[in-house]
Amino acid sequence: MKARVPQLWIGGALTGVILLAAVLSLFWTPYGIDQQSIADRLQGPSAGHWLGTDMFGRDILSRILGGAGTALTVGLAAIALGLAGGLPLGLAAAMNRDGPADMLIARGADLIFAFPALLSAVLIAAVHGPGAINVVVAVGIFNIAVFARVVRGAALSVMARPFLRAALAIGRPWPSVAVKHLLPNIAGVIAVQATIQFAVAILAEAGLSYLGLGVKPPNPSWGKMLADAQTLLYVDPRQAIFPGLAILWAVLGLNLLGDGLRDFLDPRLRKIRAV
């Protein structure tokens, strides 16, 4: 237990801080997220502005808090879309191993993997213009392929167990077997993959917003804050440091959380780390 607690708890604590910041931004921020005061531009940290102000006099802390809400909203939506499509496809492929459905789903996943999420988002933005929905759709479609592959592999390993073969042998329909027997046994694998893809979604949103293809102003985004700060790196580097640290904090927390969950839920890794 002691060997696996640090990653799980540290990752959970880091992720919890980002979640708390996102929830807090819905009800309160020190200043309006897009409230400008040219007279107060580029101020350093002070009692009035804990992290200082940007080139437009906007409070950096308020925008960091608002950016947490944007990152988590986009990440959750992309994960939900990926699970909604990938979970049933992965189960269907596993229950029809080497059949037409399995081959079709596998080839469809290969096709999606040929177009990375960032490239897909750029293509969508070129047609429909920038926006958070484009990021969600692009990352969500990529997640469908990821979850379909992961669920299929995990389900096939469980299907080799006697209890599941017995359930199929007595004639139970495969949707019932999948829901009652497969899902509970692969829930841990899905949870771990979801944390990893959550971090990927946050990075994708920040990267696309940095390029001007993500969240539209005045909605805050850590990536957009980095883009605005690039011309001030030698004048006021903290303009880039704070949003950069926020991205690092979120991604590191989710990766540690996923690693800790994997160790916690996998008895083989638990035994290895306990030695």
Protein backbone atom coordinates (compact mmCIF):
# COMPACT_ATOMS: atom_id res chain seq x y z
CA MET A 1 0.00 0.00 0.00
CA LYS A 2 2.73 2.45 0.94
CA ALA A 3 4.48 1.98 -2.39
CA ARG A 4 1.56 3.04 -4.45
CA VAL A 5 -0.04 5.73 -2.29
CA PRO A 6 2.20 8.68 -3.26
CA GLN A 7 1.41 8.77 -6.98
CA LEU A 8 -2.29 8.21 -6.47
CA TRP A 9 -2.68 10.75 -3.71
CA ILE A 10 -0.34 13.37 -5.15
CA GLY A 11 -2.02 13.09 -8.56
CA GLY A 12 -5.44 13.26 -6.95
CA ALA A 13 -4.45 16.33 -4.92
CA LEU A 14 -3.04 18.16 -7.96
CA THR A 15 -6.09 17.31 -10.04
CA GLY A 16 -8.36 18.30 -7.17
CA VAL A 17 -6.81 21.77 -7.04
CA ILE A 18 -7.53 22.29 -10.75
CA LEU A 19 -11.07 21.02 -10.28
CA LEU A 20 -11.57 23.35 -7.32
CA ALA A 21 -10.24 26.29 -9.35
CA ALA A 22 -12.61 25.48 -12.20
CA VAL A 23 -15.63 25.24 -9.90
CA LEU A 24 -14.61 28.41 -8.05
CA SER A 25 -14.36 30.35 -11.33
CA LEU A 26 -18.04 29.64 -11.99
CA PHE A 27 -19.05 31.62 -8.90
CA TRP A 28 -16.19 33.97 -8.07
CA THR A 29 -12.97 35.45 -9.42
CA PRO A 30 -11.02 38.36 -7.90
CA TYR A 31 -11.90 40.49 -10.95
CA GLY A 32 -13.92 40.02 -14.08
CA ILE A 33 -12.18 37.50 -16.33
CA ASP A 34 -12.09 40.01 -19.20
CA GLN A 35 -12.12 43.20 -17.12
CA GLN A 36 -9.51 45.58 -18.55
CA SER A 37 -7.70 48.47 -16.92
CA ILE A 38 -5.05 49.97 -19.19
CA ALA A 39 -3.74 52.11 -16.35
CA ASP A 40 -2.89 48.93 -14.41
CA ARG A 41 -1.26 47.00 -17.28
CA LEU A 42 1.79 44.79 -16.64
CA GLN A 43 1.73 45.25 -12.89
CA GLY A 44 3.68 42.83 -10.74
CA PRO A 45 2.16 40.68 -7.98
CA SER A 46 0.57 42.80 -5.27
CA ALA A 47 -2.15 42.71 -2.66
CA GLY A 48 -4.65 43.86 -5.29
CA HIS A 49 -3.47 41.48 -8.01
CA TRP A 50 -1.84 38.38 -6.53
CA LEU A 51 -0.29 37.29 -9.83
CA GLY A 52 -0.16 40.72 -11.43
CA THR A 53 -1.86 41.93 -14.60
CA ASP A 54 -1.37 41.33 -18.32
CA MET A 55 -0.81 43.75 -21.20
CA PHE A 56 -4.46 44.83 -21.10
CA GLY A 57 -4.58 45.29 -17.34
CA ARG A 58 -6.56 42.09 -16.79
CA ASP A 59 -6.03 40.17 -13.57
CA ILE A 60 -3.88 37.10 -14.32
CA LEU A 61 -5.21 35.06 -11.39
CA SER A 62 -8.80 35.56 -12.56
CA ARG A 63 -7.87 34.39 -16.05
CA ILE A 64 -5.96 31.38 -14.69
CA LEU A 65 -9.05 30.37 -12.74
CA GLY A 66 -11.26 30.87 -15.78
CA GLY A 67 -8.81 28.92 -17.93
CA ALA A 68 -9.13 25.96 -15.56
CA GLY A 69 -12.86 25.91 -16.22
CA THR A 70 -12.27 26.00 -19.98
CA ALA A 71 -9.68 23.22 -19.88
CA LEU A 72 -11.81 20.91 -17.73
CA THR A 73 -14.97 21.57 -19.75
CA VAL A 74 -13.26 20.76 -23.03
CA GLY A 75 -11.50 17.75 -21.50
CA LEU A 76 -14.65 16.30 -19.95
CA ALA A 77 -16.65 16.78 -23.14
CA ALA A 78 -13.94 15.12 -25.24
CA ILE A 79 -13.73 12.17 -22.82
CA ALA A 80 -17.52 11.81 -22.75
CA LEU A 81 -17.66 11.76 -26.55
CA GLY A 82 -14.83 9.24 -26.71
CA LEU A 83 -16.47 6.93 -24.18
CA ALA A 84 -19.91 7.23 -25.75
CA GLY A 85 -18.54 6.02 -29.07
CA GLY A 86 -15.52 3.91 -28.12
CA LEU A 87 -17.03 1.85 -25.31
CA PRO A 88 -19.81 0.15 -27.31
CA LEU A 89 -17.55 -0.24 -30.36
CA GLY A 90 -14.81 -1.86 -28.30
CA LEU A 91 -17.27 -4.26 -26.64
CA ALA A 92 -18.85 -5.13 -29.99
CA ALA A 93 -15.42 -5.83 -31.50
CA ALA A 94 -14.43 -8.08 -28.58
CA MET A 95 -17.69 -10.03 -28.64
CA ASN A 96 -17.29 -10.57 -32.41
CA ARG A 97 -13.57 -11.30 -32.46
CA ASP A 98 -12.16 -11.78 -35.96
CA GLY A 99 -15.63 -11.26 -37.39
CA PRO A 100 -16.76 -8.61 -39.87
CA ALA A 101 -17.68 -6.15 -37.11
CA ASP A 102 -14.27 -6.56 -35.47
CA MET A 103 -12.46 -5.99 -38.76
CA LEU A 104 -14.58 -2.96 -39.63
CA ILE A 105 -14.05 -1.33 -36.24
CA ALA A 106 -10.29 -2.04 -36.35
CA ARG A 107 -9.92 -0.49 -39.80
CA GLY A 108 -12.01 2.49 -38.77
CA ALA A 109 -9.74 3.05 -35.77
CA ASP A 110 -6.68 2.83 -38.02
CA LEU A 111 -8.20 5.48 -40.28
CA ILE A 112 -8.81 7.83 -37.33
CA PHE A 113 -5.27 7.28 -36.02
CA ALA A 114 -3.97 8.39 -39.43
CA PHE A 115 -5.30 11.88 -38.63
CA PRO A 116 -4.05 13.05 -35.20
CA ALA A 117 -6.44 15.08 -33.07
CA LEU A 118 -4.53 18.33 -33.56
CA LEU A 119 -4.49 17.93 -37.34
CA SER A 120 -8.20 17.09 -37.37
CA ALA A 121 -8.96 20.17 -35.28
CA VAL A 122 -6.97 22.35 -37.69
CA LEU A 123 -8.94 20.93 -40.63
CA ILE A 124 -12.27 21.46 -38.86
CA ALA A 125 -11.30 25.01 -37.87
CA ALA A 126 -10.34 25.74 -41.48
CA VAL A 127 -13.87 24.83 -42.56
CA HIS A 128 -16.01 26.05 -39.66
CA GLY A 129 -13.75 28.58 -37.96
CA PRO A 130 -12.14 28.41 -34.50
CA GLY A 131 -14.12 27.41 -31.44
CA ALA A 132 -14.20 25.12 -28.42
CA ILE A 133 -16.70 22.79 -30.10
CA ASN A 134 -14.20 22.07 -32.87
CA VAL A 135 -11.61 21.04 -30.27
CA VAL A 136 -14.11 18.78 -28.52
CA VAL A 137 -15.18 17.12 -31.77
CA ALA A 138 -11.63 16.56 -33.03
CA VAL A 139 -10.25 15.23 -29.74
CA GLY A 140 -13.46 13.29 -29.03
CA ILE A 141 -13.35 11.48 -32.38
CA PHE A 142 -9.72 10.57 -31.76
CA ASN A 143 -10.68 9.32 -28.30
CA ILE A 144 -13.35 7.06 -29.82
CA ALA A 145 -10.61 5.13 -31.61
CA VAL A 146 -8.41 5.07 -28.50
CA PHE A 147 -11.15 3.78 -26.20
CA ALA A 148 -12.36 1.26 -28.79
CA ARG A 149 -8.87 -0.25 -28.97
CA VAL A 150 -8.34 -0.23 -25.20
CA VAL A 151 -11.79 -1.66 -24.41
CA ARG A 152 -11.41 -4.40 -27.04
CA GLY A 153 -8.04 -5.51 -25.68
CA ALA A 154 -9.17 -5.47 -22.06
CA ALA A 155 -12.43 -7.25 -22.87
CA LEU A 156 -10.65 -10.03 -24.79
CA SER A 157 -8.44 -10.76 -21.78
CA VAL A 158 -11.50 -11.05 -19.54
CA MET A 159 -13.41 -13.19 -22.05
CA ALA A 160 -10.79 -15.93 -21.64
CA ARG A 161 -11.88 -16.45 -18.02
CA PRO A 162 -14.13 -19.41 -17.19
CA PHE A 163 -16.97 -17.43 -15.63
CA LEU A 164 -17.48 -15.40 -18.80
CA ARG A 165 -17.26 -18.41 -21.09
CA ALA A 166 -19.88 -20.06 -18.90
CA ALA A 167 -22.19 -17.05 -19.21
CA LEU A 168 -21.94 -17.24 -23.00
CA ALA A 169 -22.34 -21.03 -23.01
CA ILE A 170 -25.71 -20.93 -21.28
CA GLY A 171 -27.04 -18.69 -24.03
CA ARG A 172 -27.11 -15.25 -22.45
CA PRO A 173 -27.23 -12.45 -25.06
CA TRP A 174 -23.89 -10.74 -25.50
CA PRO A 175 -25.15 -7.23 -24.59
CA SER A 176 -26.22 -8.60 -21.20
CA VAL A 177 -22.89 -10.38 -20.74
CA ALA A 178 -21.00 -7.26 -21.73
CA VAL A 179 -22.84 -5.03 -19.25
CA LYS A 180 -23.01 -7.45 -16.31
CA HIS A 181 -19.68 -9.23 -16.60
CA LEU A 182 -17.29 -7.41 -18.92
CA LEU A 183 -17.73 -3.79 -17.88
CA PRO A 184 -17.19 -4.31 -14.12
CA ASN A 185 -13.94 -6.16 -14.84
CA ILE A 186 -12.50 -3.60 -17.24
CA ALA A 187 -13.70 -0.45 -15.48
CA GLY A 188 -10.24 0.10 -13.98
CA VAL A 189 -8.53 -0.01 -17.37
CA ILE A 190 -11.07 2.45 -18.76
CA ALA A 191 -10.59 4.81 -15.80
CA VAL A 192 -6.81 4.83 -16.23
CA GLN A 193 -7.08 5.49 -19.97
CA ALA A 194 -9.62 8.25 -19.34
CA THR A 195 -7.17 10.14 -17.11
CA ILE A 196 -4.48 9.88 -19.79
CA GLN A 197 -6.80 11.09 -22.54
CA PHE A 198 -8.01 13.87 -20.26
CA ALA A 199 -4.46 15.19 -20.06
CA VAL A 200 -4.12 14.88 -23.85
CA ALA A 201 -7.35 16.86 -24.31
CA ILE A 202 -6.09 19.67 -22.05
CA LEU A 203 -2.83 19.85 -24.02
CA ALA A 204 -4.75 19.83 -27.31
CA GLU A 205 -7.02 22.65 -26.17
CA ALA A 206 -4.06 24.72 -25.00
CA GLY A 207 -2.11 24.07 -28.21
CA LEU A 208 -5.01 24.93 -30.50
CA SER A 209 -5.87 28.05 -28.51
CA TYR A 210 -2.21 29.08 -28.74
CA LEU A 211 -2.53 28.82 -32.52
CA GLY A 212 -5.77 30.80 -32.49
CA LEU A 213 -7.89 27.78 -33.45
CA GLY A 214 -9.35 26.94 -30.05
CA VAL A 215 -11.48 28.86 -27.58
CA LYS A 216 -12.65 32.24 -28.85
CA PRO A 217 -12.03 35.43 -26.84
CA PRO A 218 -13.14 36.69 -24.41
CA ASN A 219 -13.34 33.16 -22.98
CA PRO A 220 -10.09 32.51 -21.10
CA SER A 221 -7.65 29.82 -22.15
CA TRP A 222 -4.20 28.97 -20.87
CA GLY A 223 -3.01 28.45 -24.43
CA LYS A 224 -4.29 31.87 -25.51
CA MET A 225 -2.57 33.43 -22.51
CA LEU A 226 0.71 31.87 -23.68
CA ALA A 227 0.14 33.23 -27.19
CA ASP A 228 -0.47 36.73 -25.82
CA ALA A 229 2.65 36.50 -23.66
CA GLN A 230 5.12 35.42 -26.36
CA THR A 231 5.88 39.00 -27.38
CA LEU A 232 6.65 39.90 -23.76
CA LEU A 233 8.99 37.06 -22.84
CA TYR A 234 12.00 39.34 -22.42
CA VAL A 235 9.99 42.15 -20.84
CA ASP A 236 7.72 40.29 -18.44
CA PRO A 237 8.29 36.51 -18.52
CA ARG A 238 5.76 35.78 -15.78
CA GLN A 239 3.05 36.45 -18.36
CA ALA A 240 4.00 33.05 -19.81
CA ILE A 241 5.19 31.39 -16.61
CA PHE A 242 1.84 31.34 -14.81
CA PRO A 243 -0.32 29.80 -17.60
CA GLY A 244 2.55 27.44 -18.42
CA LEU A 245 2.68 26.28 -14.81
CA ALA A 246 -1.10 25.82 -14.84
CA ILE A 247 -0.86 23.50 -17.88
CA LEU A 248 2.04 21.63 -16.28
CA TRP A 249 0.13 21.28 -13.02
CA ALA A 250 -3.00 19.88 -14.70
CA VAL A 251 -1.20 17.44 -17.01
CA LEU A 252 1.20 16.25 -14.31
CA GLY A 253 -1.66 15.72 -11.87
CA LEU A 254 -3.71 13.67 -14.34
CA ASN A 255 -0.71 11.58 -15.38
CA LEU A 256 0.22 10.83 -11.78
CA LEU A 257 -3.41 10.04 -11.02
CA GLY A 258 -3.59 7.62 -13.94
CA ASP A 259 -0.31 5.98 -12.95
CA GLY A 260 -1.50 5.64 -9.37
CA LEU A 261 -4.84 4.19 -10.44
CA ARG A 262 -3.06 1.66 -12.64
CA ASP A 263 -0.91 0.46 -9.74
CA PHE A 264 -3.86 0.45 -7.37
CA LEU A 265 -6.11 -1.57 -9.66
CA ASP A 266 -3.52 -3.99 -11.08
CA PRO A 267 -2.61 -6.68 -8.49
CA ARG A 268 0.48 -7.74 -10.48
CA LEU A 269 2.01 -4.25 -10.35
CA ARG A 270 0.98 -4.02 -6.71
CA LYS A 271 3.03 -7.09 -5.85
CA ILE A 272 6.05 -5.93 -7.87
CA ARG A 273 6.14 -2.51 -6.19
CA ALA A 274 5.65 -4.01 -2.75
CA VAL A 275 8.80 -6.13 -3.06
